[in-house]
Protein backbone atom coordinates (compact mmCIF):
# COMPACT_ATOMS: atom_id res chain seq x y z
CA MET A 1 128.73 328.96 220.14
CA GLY A 2 125.77 329.53 218.05
CA ASN A 3 123.16 326.83 216.69
CA LEU A 4 124.54 324.40 215.18
CA HIS A 5 122.37 324.77 212.14
CA GLU A 6 123.13 328.74 211.42
CA LYS A 7 126.09 329.55 208.98
CA ARG A 8 128.06 331.63 211.13
CA LYS A 9 131.19 333.46 210.22
CA PHE A 10 134.07 331.77 211.29
CA THR A 11 137.79 334.08 212.10
CA VAL A 12 141.13 332.31 211.76
CA LYS A 13 141.12 332.23 215.33
CA ASP A 14 137.95 329.44 214.91
CA TYR A 15 139.64 327.75 211.92
CA LEU A 16 142.72 327.43 213.71
CA LYS A 17 140.83 324.91 216.66
CA PHE A 18 140.24 322.89 214.46
CA ILE A 19 143.07 322.54 212.23
CA ILE A 20 145.70 322.32 214.72
CA PRO A 21 145.21 320.07 216.89
CA SER A 22 143.74 317.84 213.66
CA VAL A 23 146.87 318.17 211.31
CA LEU A 24 148.69 316.95 215.07
CA GLY A 25 146.50 314.19 215.08
CA VAL A 26 147.41 313.19 211.11
CA LEU A 27 150.85 313.71 212.13
CA LEU A 28 151.44 311.48 215.41
CA LEU A 29 148.54 308.63 214.24
CA MET A 30 148.24 308.74 210.35
CA PHE A 31 150.78 310.08 208.69
CA PRO A 32 154.01 307.17 207.03
CA LEU A 33 157.26 307.84 207.40
CA LYS A 34 160.24 306.28 207.01
CA VAL A 35 162.66 305.55 209.99
CA GLU A 36 165.57 302.86 209.42
CA GLY A 37 164.32 301.64 206.24
CA GLN A 38 160.91 301.30 207.84
CA THR A 39 157.54 302.46 207.35
CA THR A 40 156.42 303.69 210.36
CA ILE A 41 153.92 306.07 212.26
CA LEU A 42 155.13 308.63 214.60
CA VAL A 43 153.05 307.25 217.74
CA ALA A 44 154.49 303.84 217.07
CA LEU A 45 157.62 305.06 217.17
CA PHE A 46 156.84 306.42 220.59
CA ALA A 47 155.81 303.19 221.56
CA SER A 48 158.42 300.56 220.22
CA THR A 49 161.23 303.53 222.17
CA LEU A 50 159.51 303.35 225.58
CA THR A 51 158.73 299.51 225.73
CA GLY A 52 162.48 299.44 224.72
CA LEU A 53 163.18 301.48 227.55
CA LEU A 54 160.94 300.10 229.92
CA GLU A 55 162.37 296.50 228.28
CA PRO A 56 163.28 294.89 231.16
CA ILE A 57 160.55 295.81 233.68
CA LEU A 58 157.58 296.34 231.64
CA PRO A 59 156.00 292.16 231.64
CA ALA A 60 156.14 293.01 235.76
CA ILE A 61 154.37 296.06 234.79
CA ILE A 62 152.02 294.51 232.63
CA LEU A 63 151.25 291.29 235.42
CA ILE A 64 150.79 293.50 237.47
CA VAL A 65 148.25 295.68 235.80
CA ILE A 66 146.61 292.37 234.31
CA ALA A 67 146.26 291.30 238.33
CA ILE A 68 144.42 294.56 239.28
CA SER A 69 142.08 294.15 236.27
CA GLY A 70 141.13 290.76 237.17
CA ILE A 71 141.33 290.78 241.59
CA MET A 72 139.37 293.86 241.59
CA ALA A 73 136.65 292.80 238.82
CA VAL A 74 136.14 289.79 241.13
CA VAL A 75 136.33 292.23 244.69
CA TYR A 76 134.14 293.98 242.93
CA ARG A 77 131.58 291.38 242.31
CA PHE A 78 131.38 290.04 246.00
CA PHE A 79 132.00 293.00 247.79
CA LYS A 80 131.28 295.72 246.24
CA PRO A 81 133.63 298.49 248.02
CA ASN A 82 132.83 301.99 248.74
CA PHE A 83 135.30 303.05 246.27
CA ILE A 84 134.43 301.82 243.61
CA GLU A 85 130.66 301.89 244.12
CA LYS A 86 131.00 305.80 244.42
CA ASN A 87 133.45 306.25 241.67
CA GLU A 88 131.80 306.04 238.12
CA PHE A 89 134.92 305.45 236.47
CA LEU A 90 136.37 302.61 238.67
CA LYS A 91 132.73 301.29 238.37
CA SER A 92 132.74 301.25 234.77
CA LEU A 93 136.64 299.52 235.24
CA PHE A 94 135.58 296.52 237.10
CA ASN A 95 132.00 296.25 237.09
CA VAL A 96 131.26 293.81 233.98
CA SER A 97 129.45 290.28 233.06
CA ASP A 98 130.87 287.24 234.43
CA PHE A 99 132.14 285.93 231.02
CA TRP A 100 134.57 289.29 231.34
CA ILE A 101 135.15 288.21 234.84
CA LEU A 102 136.52 284.56 233.56
CA ALA A 103 138.45 285.94 230.90
CA ARG A 104 139.70 287.88 232.72
CA VAL A 105 140.72 285.93 235.67
CA VAL A 106 142.14 283.28 232.66
CA GLY A 107 143.68 286.26 232.15
CA VAL A 108 145.48 286.65 235.61
CA ILE A 109 146.48 282.85 235.85
CA LEU A 110 147.58 282.50 232.14
CA ALA A 111 149.81 285.62 233.14
CA PHE A 112 151.18 284.26 235.86
CA LEU A 113 152.54 280.79 234.28
CA VAL A 114 153.79 282.31 231.47
CA TYR A 115 155.36 284.88 233.49
CA PHE A 116 157.05 282.58 236.03
CA GLN A 117 157.48 279.77 233.51
CA ILE A 118 155.34 277.28 235.91
CA GLY A 119 153.47 274.53 234.49
CA PRO A 120 153.72 272.91 231.28
CA GLU A 121 155.81 274.59 228.54
CA TYR A 122 152.99 274.50 225.56
CA ILE A 123 151.48 277.42 228.09
CA TRP A 124 154.91 279.89 228.81
CA SER A 125 156.92 279.10 225.42
CA ASP A 126 158.16 281.49 223.29
CA ASP A 127 155.44 280.25 220.12
CA THR A 128 152.64 280.80 222.34
CA GLY A 129 152.14 282.26 226.19
CA GLY A 130 155.31 283.94 226.03
CA LEU A 131 154.41 285.45 222.30
CA ILE A 132 151.16 286.94 224.06
CA LEU A 133 153.28 288.19 226.89
CA TYR A 134 156.56 288.96 225.61
CA ASP A 135 156.05 290.36 222.35
CA LEU A 136 152.71 291.10 221.58
CA ILE A 137 151.02 292.82 224.70
CA LEU A 138 154.60 294.38 225.34
CA GLY A 139 154.15 296.17 222.32
CA LEU A 140 150.06 297.24 222.65
CA PHE A 141 151.21 297.84 226.77
CA SER A 142 152.85 301.62 225.03
CA ILE A 143 150.93 302.03 221.97
CA PHE A 144 147.53 301.89 223.95
CA LEU A 145 149.40 304.53 226.11
CA PHE A 146 150.10 306.49 223.38
CA ALA A 147 147.37 306.36 221.39
CA GLY A 148 144.66 307.05 224.45
CA LEU A 149 146.72 309.95 224.82
CA ILE A 150 146.76 311.29 220.94
CA LEU A 151 143.55 309.98 219.96
CA PRO A 152 141.36 312.90 221.11
CA PHE A 153 143.56 315.78 218.79
CA LEU A 154 141.87 312.76 216.17
CA THR A 155 138.93 312.30 217.17
CA ASN A 156 138.01 315.68 219.47
CA PHE A 157 138.66 318.62 217.32
CA GLY A 158 136.41 318.64 214.05
CA LEU A 159 138.52 316.38 212.06
CA LEU A 160 135.67 313.65 212.22
CA GLU A 161 133.22 315.84 211.52
CA PHE A 162 135.03 317.02 208.62
CA ILE A 163 135.60 313.93 206.51
CA GLY A 164 132.15 312.82 207.20
CA ALA A 165 130.30 315.73 206.02
CA MET A 166 132.65 315.06 202.83
CA ILE A 167 132.46 311.41 202.12
CA THR A 168 129.29 310.08 203.43
CA PRO A 169 127.83 310.42 200.11
CA VAL A 170 130.57 307.24 199.11
CA MET A 171 130.37 305.48 202.73
CA ARG A 172 126.30 305.18 202.90
CA PRO A 173 125.49 303.87 200.05
CA VAL A 174 128.38 301.52 199.14
CA PHE A 175 129.65 300.43 203.20
CA LYS A 176 126.08 301.39 204.83
CA LEU A 177 128.63 303.69 207.45
CA PRO A 178 128.80 307.11 208.42
CA GLY A 179 131.39 309.03 206.42
CA ARG A 180 133.88 309.68 209.70
CA SER A 181 134.37 305.49 209.75
CA ALA A 182 137.09 306.42 207.15
CA ILE A 183 138.83 307.55 209.46
CA ASP A 184 138.79 304.48 211.77
CA CYS A 185 140.40 302.07 208.50
CA ILE A 186 142.67 304.94 207.48
CA ALA A 187 144.14 304.92 210.65
CA SER A 188 144.58 301.65 211.26
CA TRP A 189 146.07 301.21 207.48
CA VAL A 190 149.34 303.37 208.50
CA GLY A 191 149.47 302.53 212.31
CA ASP A 192 148.09 299.42 213.50
CA GLY A 193 144.64 297.80 213.35
CA THR A 194 144.44 298.10 217.24
CA ILE A 195 144.38 301.82 216.99
CA GLY A 196 140.99 301.47 214.41
CA VAL A 197 139.85 299.27 217.06
CA VAL A 198 140.19 302.15 219.75
CA ILE A 199 138.54 304.84 217.77
CA THR A 200 135.86 302.73 216.81
CA ASN A 201 135.00 301.70 220.47
CA LYS A 202 135.34 305.70 221.63
CA GLN A 203 133.07 306.58 218.55
CA TYR A 204 130.47 303.76 220.06
CA GLU A 205 130.49 304.54 223.56
CA GLU A 206 129.90 308.67 223.02
CA GLY A 207 127.15 307.63 220.22
CA TYR A 208 128.27 308.36 216.80
CA TYR A 209 127.97 304.80 215.66
CA ASN A 210 125.03 302.40 216.76
CA THR A 211 125.55 298.95 217.86
CA LYS A 212 125.42 297.85 214.05
CA GLU A 213 127.92 299.85 212.22
CA ALA A 214 130.45 300.05 215.06
CA SER A 215 130.44 296.22 214.77
CA VAL A 216 131.01 296.63 211.10
CA ILE A 217 133.69 298.72 211.20
CA ALA A 218 135.57 296.81 214.27
CA THR A 219 135.56 293.77 211.76
CA THR A 220 135.57 295.26 208.40
CA PHE A 221 137.55 298.34 208.66
CA SER A 222 140.40 297.92 211.04
CA ALA A 223 142.87 297.00 208.11
CA VAL A 224 146.28 295.60 209.14
CA SER A 225 148.85 298.39 208.59
CA ILE A 226 151.34 298.20 205.76
CA THR A 227 154.41 297.68 208.06
CA PHE A 228 153.04 294.24 208.77
CA CYS A 229 152.01 293.33 205.19
CA LEU A 230 155.47 293.90 204.75
CA VAL A 231 156.67 291.43 207.57
CA VAL A 232 154.39 289.00 205.75
CA LEU A 233 155.59 288.85 202.63
CA ASP A 234 159.09 288.73 203.58
CA GLN A 235 158.01 285.39 205.33
CA VAL A 236 157.28 283.67 202.31
CA GLY A 237 160.37 285.19 200.61
CA LEU A 238 157.99 287.24 198.31
CA ILE A 239 158.95 290.72 199.34
CA HIS A 240 159.53 292.21 195.53
CA LEU A 241 155.96 291.60 194.53
CA PHE A 242 154.68 294.33 197.34
CA GLY A 243 153.05 296.17 194.43
CA PRO A 244 150.92 293.54 192.99
CA TYR A 245 150.23 291.56 196.76
CA TYR A 246 148.64 294.58 198.02
CA LEU A 247 146.76 295.57 195.21
CA ALA A 248 144.98 292.05 196.19
CA VAL A 249 144.53 292.92 199.80
CA SER A 250 142.85 296.16 199.35
CA LEU A 251 140.72 295.13 196.62
CA ALA A 252 139.64 292.10 198.48
CA GLY A 253 139.49 294.43 201.30
CA VAL A 254 137.37 296.68 200.04
CA ILE A 255 135.38 294.02 198.35
CA ALA A 256 134.52 292.34 201.80
CA ALA A 257 133.88 296.01 203.27
CA ILE A 258 130.94 295.84 200.48
CA ILE A 259 129.48 292.14 201.32
CA MET A 260 129.92 291.53 205.51
CA PRO A 261 127.52 294.43 206.16
CA ARG A 262 125.24 293.00 204.19
CA ILE A 263 125.20 289.47 205.55
CA PRO A 264 124.08 287.89 209.25
CA PRO A 265 125.44 288.27 211.51
CA LEU A 266 126.89 291.58 210.54
CA SER A 267 123.52 292.48 209.29
CA ARG A 268 121.07 291.30 212.00
CA LYS A 269 123.12 293.40 214.26
CA LYS A 270 120.76 296.22 215.95
CA ASP A 271 120.60 299.87 215.11
CA ASP A 272 120.88 300.81 218.88
CA TYR A 273 123.47 303.49 220.58
CA PHE A 274 125.21 302.84 223.72
CA THR A 275 124.61 305.47 225.25
CA GLY A 276 120.71 305.41 224.37
CA ASP A 277 120.69 308.45 222.06
CA LYS A 278 122.21 309.41 218.64
CA LYS A 279 124.41 312.16 218.71
CA ASP A 280 124.15 314.37 215.07
CA LEU A 281 126.82 313.39 212.66
CA GLY A 282 125.87 316.12 210.51
CA GLU A 283 124.98 313.70 207.58
CA ASP A 284 122.24 316.08 206.11
CA ILE A 285 123.45 319.11 204.74
CA PRO A 286 121.21 322.04 205.74
CA LYS A 287 119.92 324.82 203.19
CA GLY A 288 122.52 327.55 202.38
CA PHE A 289 125.29 324.83 202.60
CA THR A 290 127.96 323.59 200.76
CA THR A 291 129.51 320.18 201.66
CA VAL A 292 132.60 321.82 202.63
CA SER A 293 131.02 324.81 204.43
CA TRP A 294 128.98 322.52 206.25
CA GLY A 295 131.51 320.04 207.13
CA THR A 296 133.50 322.92 208.26
CA HIS A 297 131.00 324.79 210.23
CA LEU A 298 130.51 321.25 211.98
CA ALA A 299 134.58 320.95 212.82
CA ILE A 300 134.73 324.41 214.20
CA ASN A 301 131.34 323.99 216.57
CA ARG A 302 133.35 320.35 217.80
CA ALA A 303 136.73 322.38 218.24
CA GLU A 304 135.18 325.01 220.48
CA ALA A 305 133.49 322.51 222.52
CA ASN A 306 136.53 320.75 223.57
CA MET A 307 138.71 323.57 224.17
CA ASP A 308 138.90 322.30 227.91
CA ILE A 309 142.43 320.94 228.47
CA LYS A 310 141.85 319.30 231.60
CA LYS A 311 139.24 317.61 230.47
CA PHE A 312 141.18 316.93 227.35
CA VAL A 313 143.55 315.04 229.58
CA THR A 314 141.36 313.51 232.20
CA ASN A 315 139.25 311.45 228.91
CA GLY A 316 142.81 310.41 227.35
CA ILE A 317 144.05 309.08 230.81
CA ALA A 318 140.61 307.17 231.26
CA THR A 319 140.86 306.11 228.01
CA VAL A 320 144.13 304.49 228.41
CA LEU A 321 143.59 302.51 231.92
CA ASP A 322 140.44 301.70 229.86
CA MET A 323 142.32 299.98 227.17
CA TRP A 324 145.11 298.21 229.94
CA ILE A 325 142.66 297.21 232.37
CA GLY A 326 139.76 296.17 230.25
CA VAL A 327 141.51 294.41 227.08
CA MET A 328 145.53 293.29 227.97
CA PRO A 329 143.72 290.31 230.80
CA VAL A 330 141.33 289.46 227.51
CA ILE A 331 144.46 289.28 225.16
CA MET A 332 146.01 287.12 227.30
CA ALA A 333 143.63 284.78 227.79
CA PHE A 334 141.93 284.53 224.26
CA GLY A 335 145.36 285.33 222.59
CA THR A 336 147.71 282.30 224.74
CA ILE A 337 144.68 279.32 224.40
CA ALA A 338 144.25 280.05 220.70
CA LEU A 339 147.73 279.68 220.03
CA ILE A 340 148.32 276.25 222.53
CA ILE A 341 145.26 275.50 220.21
CA ALA A 342 147.16 275.87 217.30
CA GLU A 343 150.10 274.77 218.44
CA ALA A 344 149.70 271.66 220.30
CA THR A 345 146.70 269.44 218.58
CA PRO A 346 145.45 269.35 215.10
CA ILE A 347 142.68 271.48 215.05
CA PHE A 348 142.88 274.49 212.97
CA VAL A 349 143.76 271.29 210.69
CA TRP A 350 140.91 269.26 210.97
CA LEU A 351 138.92 272.82 210.64
CA GLY A 352 141.15 273.77 207.52
CA LYS A 353 140.38 270.27 205.44
CA PRO A 354 137.08 271.92 204.12
CA PHE A 355 139.02 274.45 202.16
CA ILE A 356 141.04 271.30 199.95
CA PRO A 357 138.15 270.97 197.62
CA LEU A 358 137.68 274.43 197.29
CA LEU A 359 141.39 275.50 196.41
CA ASN A 360 141.58 272.45 194.57
CA LEU A 361 138.26 273.92 192.07
CA LEU A 362 140.49 277.13 192.16
CA ARG A 363 143.65 275.21 190.72
CA VAL A 364 146.25 276.81 193.47
CA PRO A 365 149.56 274.24 194.09
CA TYR A 366 149.63 272.42 196.85
CA ALA A 367 145.75 272.53 198.02
CA VAL A 368 146.52 270.12 200.85
CA GLU A 369 149.26 272.39 202.35
CA ALA A 370 147.67 275.60 201.83
CA SER A 371 144.78 274.53 203.38
CA LYS A 372 146.65 273.83 207.04
CA THR A 373 146.83 277.74 206.75
CA MET A 374 143.10 279.02 206.16
CA VAL A 375 141.79 279.02 209.51
CA VAL A 376 144.90 278.54 211.63
CA GLY A 377 145.04 282.90 211.72
CA PHE A 378 142.23 282.95 213.41
CA ALA A 379 144.42 282.15 216.48
CA ASP A 380 147.18 284.37 215.04
CA MET A 381 147.53 286.76 211.66
CA PHE A 382 151.21 285.79 211.08
CA LEU A 383 151.14 281.93 211.72
CA PRO A 384 149.47 280.93 208.03
CA SER A 385 152.81 283.00 206.39
CA VAL A 386 155.17 281.05 208.92
CA ILE A 387 153.03 277.41 208.01
CA GLY A 388 153.23 278.98 204.38
CA SER A 389 156.73 279.64 204.07
CA THR A 390 157.97 276.00 203.75
CA ILE A 391 154.96 275.49 200.77
CA PRO A 392 157.84 275.28 197.50
CA ASN A 393 155.15 277.53 195.50
CA GLU A 394 155.49 281.25 194.69
CA MET A 395 151.75 282.04 194.09
CA THR A 396 150.26 279.53 197.08
CA ARG A 397 152.69 281.28 199.20
CA PHE A 398 150.93 284.58 197.33
CA VAL A 399 147.53 283.54 198.36
CA VAL A 400 148.56 282.34 201.65
CA ALA A 401 150.33 285.56 202.33
CA ALA A 402 147.59 287.46 200.86
CA VAL A 403 144.58 285.40 202.57
CA SER A 404 146.17 286.10 206.02
CA VAL A 405 146.41 289.66 205.64
CA THR A 406 142.53 290.23 204.91
CA GLN A 407 140.82 288.05 207.27
CA LEU A 408 141.39 290.49 210.07
CA VAL A 409 139.85 289.21 213.20
CA TYR A 410 142.74 287.23 214.50
CA LEU A 411 142.29 286.02 218.24
CA SER A 412 146.09 287.38 219.25
CA GLU A 413 145.70 291.04 218.42
CA VAL A 414 142.38 292.58 216.75
CA GLY A 415 139.45 289.74 217.52
CA ALA A 416 140.84 289.98 221.60
CA VAL A 417 140.83 294.22 221.55
CA ILE A 418 137.42 293.81 220.03
CA LEU A 419 136.41 290.84 222.69
CA GLY A 420 137.54 293.53 225.48
CA SER A 421 136.17 296.53 223.96
CA ARG A 422 132.37 297.63 224.33
CA ILE A 423 131.38 296.99 221.10
CA PRO A 424 128.92 293.37 221.64
CA VAL A 425 130.48 290.93 218.80
CA SER A 426 130.82 287.62 220.31
CA LEU A 427 133.91 285.12 219.70
CA VAL A 428 131.32 282.41 217.94
CA GLU A 429 130.11 285.88 216.27
CA LEU A 430 133.91 286.70 215.06
CA PHE A 431 134.53 283.33 213.80
CA ILE A 432 131.83 283.41 211.55
CA ILE A 433 133.19 286.92 210.49
CA PHE A 434 136.65 284.97 210.45
CA ILE A 435 135.47 282.26 208.40
CA GLU A 436 132.98 284.33 206.06
CA ARG A 437 136.29 286.75 205.08
CA THR A 438 137.63 284.23 203.87
CA LEU A 439 135.75 282.60 201.87
CA ILE A 440 135.03 286.14 200.21
CA THR A 441 138.70 287.01 199.59
CA LEU A 442 140.16 283.97 198.53
CA PRO A 443 138.54 283.66 195.19
CA ILE A 444 139.60 287.49 194.87
CA VAL A 445 143.23 286.94 195.80
CA THR A 446 143.36 283.91 193.70
CA ILE A 447 142.20 285.07 190.59
CA ILE A 448 145.18 288.02 191.06
CA ALA A 449 147.63 285.09 191.62
CA HIS A 450 146.92 283.48 188.50
CA ILE A 451 147.13 286.85 186.43
CA ILE A 452 150.71 287.59 188.41
CA PHE A 453 152.06 283.69 187.68
């Protein structure tokens, strides 16, 4: 393998090392297909099939994984057993800060209460803990499994390098991000927001993104999948307006992605790297190369460095375990608590009250009813459309459905995955980002709604 900046003559075999795994990754993780009238991607199809097959025993498996996560973190903190101390990977799983030990322990307790239906019903009902354990985590367990094993096809064989070289001229000035981050966004958009966060976290851990870039990508580019947009729109009875709705969501999302990195808290994130040093992203094209030839050169070099199958498999398994052990208890804890607050207290209604004057100013009908949906999405993205579905005005339901999708960082899924990842975004920062996204996207969505209705 020659010098990274030295022009090489590539053979067909060299090209195939980059093309075959990358195409496989795109087909599995990003290529939309129709199954029984539903748009999905292969990895989600695999995940839902496995979830279906294991459904009777999957909640028990998840309970065991969450219990191991919390118990072993506590055991390591107090006893530092040798088998963890001497194993770098196990140490990375269980050596977490006090805050995350507490989050895991809360996750373990809630998982037990929900699974055995112990305690007050508001903890384990189908609208709170039951929704998180039996609906959300049930699906994520399988998604994490397949995404973790399949992700390396997308990230390790040069596709990110190739795309990055092509679109850095757009991504850098507009979004202040490396070109390769577009892949994270596309994977979220056609697949699942959590897949985007998993990719971003992996790139951050490996030194391809700095803290600021990883924080921006996770909170701004982990777009909601097309499939979920259809579900939300169906809930508010406006499925016939999918075209203009998706246009409104995309436009508002792009404008938010341009503004968000330029304002706090994201603008204040440091430019340091998780590994301590930056990987060369190959964004500066050397003399003698075109954009395409430089992208190809980088891609093939990357593919050649990752041809070890054993390493490929072990890295995949490590990613899966990292997501299961590190993220699932956190989703259980934050997701359940957020839904209990949303269902059993008027806190989100109070938090929505300041939006009433803004909604009146934007001439949104039923402003008081709409205000109740503005902040509740922080708990779960589906709640605004459930609450908003009873509003007797199509335009208002359109605004509620579109805003809920552009808010992105809801705690029952993407937000909890971000909190459970290595990307340093705190709960308070997530809430501020959520409010900022709401304030940016609400006027854009409302203007489009006034044009449509």
